[in-house]
Amino acid sequence: MILAGVIGAIPSPSGNSVSIGPLELRAYGLMIALGAFVAVVWSQKRLAARGGDPEDISTIAMWAVPAGLIGSRLYHVATDWRSFRGRWEDVPAVWQGGLGIPGGLMAGVLVGVLVARSRGLSMAVAMDVMIPTIPVAQAIGRWGNWFNQEVFGRPTDLLWALEIDAVHRPVAHLDAAAFHPTFLYEGLWNVALAVVLVRVERRSLLRPGYIVALWVFGYGLGRLWVEALRSDAASLIAGVRVNTWMAIVAIVVGAVVARAGRIPPGERTRGGTVVR
C-alpha cells in the first residue's frame, strides 16, 4: 500500500489553467498548441533544407492539425462512449482532457497527405520531412495530462512517482498518493523515437516515404508497455484495453510495412530514388 506523503515524488500542478489578466487559458490546450507549433517549425526547416518551400508546411498544418484534433476527440468518444452517457454536451469540451492519439494521428496524417498532394508536394517527401517531428509534438502535448492529473499509471513508490490529489484518484486506489507518471514515460519514449526516425531517415535505411511505417511501429511499441501501466478506466475488448489492441495492430502493421521498405545492403538513395 502506498500512502500519502511520499517523499521525493513529482508534484502535480495545483491548477490546470494559466491566467493572463482577464484571460484564462487551459494548460491542456496550450501544450497541444505548443507541440503542434514545434512540429510545424521543425518541419519547415527540414523541408527548406531539401530545397522545398516552407509555406507548404504551413498550408498542410492549417488543415492537418484541426483534423488531428477532431480525429483524436472522436476516437476518444468512440472508445469511451459510456463515460459520456447523460452528458453528451461535453463531447466538444476537449479542454477537459480526453483525446485519443491513434485517432488524431490517422486523421491528421491522412489530411496532411491529401493537402500535400494538392500542393504538388511528393507524398514521400512530405512523410520523410514531417513524420519525425510528430513524436516531439506528442511528447509536448502529453504534459497536458500532467496539468489535468489524468491517465496516470498504477500506484508506485519509485522516486519519480507522480503525486495525485485525492479527487483525481481511481476509486480502487483512494489510499494511494503516488502513481507511475505515464505521461512522462510516453513523452520520453516519443523523444527517443524522434531521434531514431531522424537517424534512419538521414542514413537512408528506408525507401522514401516508408519512415511513417517505422513511426507507427515505434509508437505502437511504446504505447503497448505504457498502456500496461495505466490505471484509469477504459473500454475493453475480450478483457483487454482497446488501446492495447490498437498498439498491437500498429506494431504488426508498422513492422511489416517498414520491412518492405527497407533498403538492402548495396543500395542507397540518390535524390530520393533508390539505385544500385
Protein backbone atom coordinates (compact mmCIF):
# COMPACT_ATOMS: atom_id res chain seq x y z
CA MET A 1 0.00 0.00 0.00
CA ILE A 2 1.35 3.42 -0.92
CA LEU A 3 0.26 6.10 1.48
CA ALA A 4 0.11 9.87 1.20
CA GLY A 5 3.19 11.90 1.90
CA VAL A 6 5.57 10.13 -0.44
CA ILE A 7 8.99 11.78 -0.23
CA GLY A 8 10.63 12.79 -3.49
CA ALA A 9 7.57 12.28 -5.69
CA ILE A 10 6.83 14.54 -8.65
CA PRO A 11 4.16 17.06 -7.58
CA SER A 12 1.12 17.72 -9.71
CA PRO A 13 0.13 21.29 -10.59
CA SER A 14 -2.40 22.93 -8.30
CA GLY A 15 -4.44 24.05 -11.31
CA ASN A 16 -4.91 23.24 -14.97
CA SER A 17 -5.06 26.74 -16.41
CA VAL A 18 -2.89 29.80 -16.87
CA SER A 19 -4.29 33.28 -16.27
CA ILE A 20 -3.09 36.25 -18.30
CA GLY A 21 -5.03 39.22 -16.96
CA PRO A 22 -8.74 38.52 -17.55
CA LEU A 23 -7.89 35.73 -19.99
CA GLU A 24 -7.79 32.14 -18.68
CA LEU A 25 -6.05 29.60 -20.89
CA ARG A 26 -6.32 25.85 -20.37
CA ALA A 27 -2.88 24.28 -19.97
CA TYR A 28 -4.06 21.15 -21.79
CA GLY A 29 -4.81 23.14 -24.94
CA LEU A 30 -1.63 25.19 -24.59
CA MET A 31 0.52 22.05 -24.54
CA ILE A 32 -1.19 20.68 -27.64
CA ALA A 33 -0.77 24.03 -29.42
CA LEU A 34 2.89 24.24 -28.39
CA GLY A 35 3.54 20.72 -29.64
CA ALA A 36 1.93 21.49 -32.98
CA PHE A 37 3.92 24.73 -33.28
CA VAL A 38 7.24 22.97 -32.63
CA ALA A 39 6.42 20.26 -35.18
CA VAL A 40 5.47 22.83 -37.84
CA VAL A 41 8.59 24.98 -37.35
CA TRP A 42 10.89 21.96 -37.36
CA SER A 43 9.16 20.53 -40.45
CA GLN A 44 9.59 23.86 -42.24
CA LYS A 45 13.32 23.81 -41.54
CA ARG A 46 13.61 20.21 -42.69
CA LEU A 47 11.77 20.94 -45.94
CA ALA A 48 13.81 24.11 -46.56
CA ALA A 49 16.99 22.06 -46.15
CA ARG A 50 15.74 19.91 -49.04
CA GLY A 51 15.15 22.96 -51.21
CA GLY A 52 11.38 22.98 -50.64
CA ASP A 53 9.02 25.81 -49.78
CA PRO A 54 8.38 26.11 -46.02
CA GLU A 55 4.96 27.63 -46.77
CA ASP A 56 3.86 24.18 -47.95
CA ILE A 57 4.20 23.01 -44.35
CA SER A 58 2.13 25.94 -43.08
CA THR A 59 -0.67 25.08 -45.50
CA ILE A 60 -0.55 21.39 -44.59
CA ALA A 61 -0.61 22.20 -40.87
CA MET A 62 -3.56 24.57 -41.29
CA TRP A 63 -5.67 21.57 -42.32
CA ALA A 64 -3.92 18.62 -40.67
CA VAL A 65 -3.77 20.00 -37.11
CA PRO A 66 -7.54 20.66 -36.79
CA ALA A 67 -8.22 17.30 -38.46
CA GLY A 68 -5.95 15.61 -35.95
CA LEU A 69 -7.71 17.32 -33.04
CA ILE A 70 -11.14 16.28 -34.31
CA GLY A 71 -9.93 12.74 -35.00
CA SER A 72 -8.44 12.49 -31.52
CA ARG A 73 -11.66 13.56 -29.86
CA LEU A 74 -13.84 11.29 -31.97
CA TYR A 75 -11.58 8.33 -31.22
CA HIS A 76 -11.77 9.04 -27.50
CA VAL A 77 -15.55 9.38 -27.55
CA ALA A 78 -15.96 6.23 -29.66
CA THR A 79 -13.77 4.12 -27.37
CA ASP A 80 -15.06 5.59 -24.10
CA TRP A 81 -18.66 6.45 -25.02
CA ARG A 82 -20.06 5.07 -21.76
CA SER A 83 -18.50 7.92 -19.78
CA PHE A 84 -20.43 10.44 -21.90
CA ARG A 85 -23.87 8.99 -21.22
CA GLY A 86 -26.00 11.71 -19.72
CA ARG A 87 -23.52 14.45 -20.68
CA TRP A 88 -23.24 14.35 -24.46
CA GLU A 89 -22.96 18.13 -24.47
CA ASP A 90 -19.40 17.65 -23.15
CA VAL A 91 -18.22 15.88 -26.31
CA PRO A 92 -16.73 19.10 -27.80
CA ALA A 93 -15.08 20.06 -24.47
CA VAL A 94 -11.57 18.95 -25.39
CA TRP A 95 -10.07 21.25 -22.73
CA GLN A 96 -11.37 18.84 -20.11
CA GLY A 97 -9.00 16.20 -21.46
CA GLY A 98 -9.79 13.11 -23.45
CA LEU A 99 -8.01 12.90 -26.77
CA GLY A 100 -7.32 9.54 -28.39
CA ILE A 101 -3.92 9.89 -30.04
CA PRO A 102 -4.43 6.98 -32.51
CA GLY A 103 -7.47 8.73 -33.99
CA GLY A 104 -5.65 12.04 -34.21
CA LEU A 105 -2.66 10.52 -35.92
CA MET A 106 -4.76 8.73 -38.51
CA ALA A 107 -6.89 11.78 -39.31
CA GLY A 108 -4.03 14.26 -39.23
CA VAL A 109 -1.69 12.23 -41.42
CA LEU A 110 -4.43 11.40 -43.94
CA VAL A 111 -5.48 15.03 -44.33
CA GLY A 112 -1.84 16.13 -44.40
CA VAL A 113 -1.05 13.76 -47.25
CA LEU A 114 -4.06 14.92 -49.26
CA VAL A 115 -3.13 18.58 -48.80
CA ALA A 116 0.49 17.83 -49.73
CA ARG A 117 -0.69 16.24 -52.97
CA SER A 118 -2.84 19.26 -53.76
CA ARG A 119 0.25 21.45 -53.32
CA GLY A 120 2.25 19.30 -55.71
CA LEU A 121 4.48 18.05 -52.92
CA SER A 122 5.59 14.43 -53.19
CA MET A 123 3.90 12.27 -50.56
CA ALA A 124 7.22 10.52 -49.88
CA VAL A 125 8.96 13.84 -49.29
CA ALA A 126 6.12 15.08 -47.08
CA MET A 127 6.30 11.91 -44.99
CA ASP A 128 10.07 11.98 -44.62
CA VAL A 129 10.03 15.65 -43.63
CA MET A 130 7.10 15.72 -41.23
CA ILE A 131 6.85 12.29 -39.60
CA PRO A 132 9.96 12.59 -37.36
CA THR A 133 8.55 15.81 -35.89
CA ILE A 134 5.25 14.27 -34.81
CA PRO A 135 6.60 12.29 -31.81
CA VAL A 136 8.06 15.52 -30.43
CA ALA A 137 4.64 17.17 -30.71
CA GLN A 138 3.14 14.16 -28.92
CA ALA A 139 5.74 14.40 -26.15
CA ILE A 140 4.95 18.06 -25.52
CA GLY A 141 1.20 17.51 -25.72
CA ARG A 142 1.39 14.77 -23.08
CA TRP A 143 2.25 17.40 -20.46
CA GLY A 144 -1.37 18.46 -20.71
CA ASN A 145 -2.21 15.22 -18.88
CA TRP A 146 0.10 16.31 -16.06
CA PHE A 147 -1.84 19.54 -15.60
CA ASN A 148 -5.17 17.68 -15.67
CA GLN A 149 -3.93 14.91 -13.35
CA GLU A 150 -5.20 12.21 -15.68
CA VAL A 151 -4.18 8.99 -17.47
CA PHE A 152 -1.52 8.17 -14.89
CA GLY A 153 -0.38 4.66 -14.06
CA ARG A 154 -0.68 2.27 -11.16
CA PRO A 155 0.41 3.19 -7.61
CA THR A 156 4.17 3.08 -7.08
CA ASP A 157 6.80 4.12 -4.53
CA LEU A 158 9.50 4.89 -7.09
CA LEU A 159 11.45 8.13 -6.59
CA TRP A 160 9.93 9.58 -9.77
CA ALA A 161 6.36 8.70 -8.79
CA LEU A 162 3.68 11.27 -9.52
CA GLU A 163 1.60 12.74 -6.70
CA ILE A 164 -2.11 12.80 -7.49
CA ASP A 165 -4.74 14.72 -5.50
CA ALA A 166 -7.40 12.55 -3.88
CA VAL A 167 -10.17 13.94 -6.09
CA HIS A 168 -8.41 12.57 -9.19
CA ARG A 169 -7.51 9.12 -7.87
CA PRO A 170 -9.32 5.96 -9.05
CA VAL A 171 -11.79 4.55 -6.55
CA ALA A 172 -9.68 1.42 -6.24
CA HIS A 173 -6.63 3.46 -5.16
CA LEU A 174 -8.00 6.22 -2.94
CA ASP A 175 -5.42 5.43 -0.24
CA ALA A 176 -2.52 5.78 -2.66
CA ALA A 177 -0.84 9.13 -3.23
CA ALA A 178 1.81 8.39 -5.86
CA PHE A 179 1.45 6.75 -9.26
CA HIS A 180 3.51 5.93 -12.35
CA PRO A 181 3.87 9.16 -14.42
CA THR A 182 2.85 7.53 -17.68
CA PHE A 183 2.62 10.93 -19.38
CA LEU A 184 6.37 11.30 -18.72
CA TYR A 185 7.17 7.74 -19.81
CA GLU A 186 5.38 8.18 -23.11
CA GLY A 187 6.88 11.62 -23.63
CA LEU A 188 10.45 10.37 -23.17
CA TRP A 189 9.74 7.40 -25.41
CA ASN A 190 8.48 9.70 -28.15
CA VAL A 191 11.53 11.93 -27.95
CA ALA A 192 13.77 8.87 -28.27
CA LEU A 193 11.62 7.67 -31.19
CA ALA A 194 12.05 11.03 -32.95
CA VAL A 195 15.84 10.68 -32.63
CA VAL A 196 15.71 7.19 -34.14
CA LEU A 197 13.49 8.33 -37.01
CA VAL A 198 15.84 11.19 -37.89
CA ARG A 199 18.86 8.89 -37.83
CA VAL A 200 17.15 6.29 -40.01
CA GLU A 201 15.97 8.95 -42.48
CA ARG A 202 19.42 10.56 -42.72
CA ARG A 203 21.16 7.23 -43.24
CA SER A 204 18.66 6.27 -45.98
CA LEU A 205 17.86 2.92 -44.39
CA LEU A 206 14.28 3.01 -45.70
CA ARG A 207 12.89 3.89 -49.10
CA PRO A 208 11.38 7.38 -49.40
CA GLY A 209 8.06 7.65 -47.58
CA TYR A 210 8.43 4.47 -45.54
CA ILE A 211 9.55 6.31 -42.41
CA VAL A 212 5.87 6.52 -41.49
CA ALA A 213 5.80 2.73 -41.02
CA LEU A 214 8.72 2.85 -38.59
CA TRP A 215 6.97 5.62 -36.68
CA VAL A 216 3.77 3.56 -36.44
CA PHE A 217 5.78 0.57 -35.22
CA GLY A 218 7.72 2.62 -32.67
CA TYR A 219 4.66 4.41 -31.37
CA GLY A 220 2.76 1.15 -31.02
CA LEU A 221 5.64 -0.48 -29.16
CA GLY A 222 5.88 2.38 -26.70
CA ARG A 223 2.14 2.65 -26.23
CA LEU A 224 1.93 -1.09 -25.53
CA TRP A 225 4.09 -1.03 -22.41
CA VAL A 226 2.82 2.36 -21.24
CA GLU A 227 -0.77 1.18 -21.58
CA ALA A 228 0.07 -1.82 -19.39
CA LEU A 229 0.85 0.61 -16.54
CA ARG A 230 -2.32 2.68 -16.83
CA SER A 231 -4.87 2.54 -14.01
CA ASP A 232 -7.68 4.66 -15.45
CA ALA A 233 -10.94 3.13 -16.62
CA ALA A 234 -11.03 2.14 -20.28
CA SER A 235 -13.19 0.27 -22.76
CA LEU A 236 -12.25 -3.39 -23.11
CA ILE A 237 -12.37 -5.96 -25.87
CA ALA A 238 -12.03 -9.55 -24.66
CA GLY A 239 -10.87 -8.18 -21.33
CA VAL A 240 -8.05 -6.15 -22.90
CA ARG A 241 -7.92 -2.35 -23.19
CA VAL A 242 -8.89 -1.04 -26.65
CA ASN A 243 -5.68 0.98 -26.90
CA THR A 244 -3.66 -2.15 -26.18
CA TRP A 245 -5.26 -3.84 -29.19
CA MET A 246 -4.56 -0.73 -31.27
CA ALA A 247 -0.92 -0.79 -30.17
CA ILE A 248 -0.58 -4.44 -31.20
CA VAL A 249 -2.09 -3.69 -34.61
CA ALA A 250 0.29 -0.74 -35.03
CA ILE A 251 3.29 -2.88 -34.15
CA VAL A 252 2.39 -5.62 -36.61
CA VAL A 253 1.40 -3.35 -39.49
CA GLY A 254 4.30 -0.98 -38.91
CA ALA A 255 6.84 -3.80 -38.77
CA VAL A 256 5.56 -5.45 -41.95
CA VAL A 257 5.47 -2.22 -43.97
CA ALA A 258 8.82 -0.97 -42.63
CA ARG A 259 10.45 -4.26 -43.55
CA ALA A 260 9.01 -3.98 -47.05
CA GLY A 261 10.54 -0.52 -47.36
CA ARG A 262 13.98 -1.49 -46.09
CA ILE A 263 16.84 -0.71 -48.46
CA PRO A 264 19.03 -3.82 -48.80
CA PRO A 265 22.82 -3.56 -48.43
CA GLY A 266 24.34 -2.42 -51.69
CA GLU A 267 21.55 0.02 -52.45
CA ARG A 268 21.30 3.65 -51.46
CA THR A 269 19.19 6.71 -52.23
CA ARG A 270 20.23 9.45 -54.59
CA GLY A 271 17.88 12.38 -54.93
CA GLY A 272 15.06 10.34 -53.40
CA THR A 273 15.48 7.46 -55.87
CA VAL A 274 16.82 4.07 -54.85
CA VAL A 275 19.75 2.98 -57.06
CA ARG A 276 22.16 0.06 -57.05
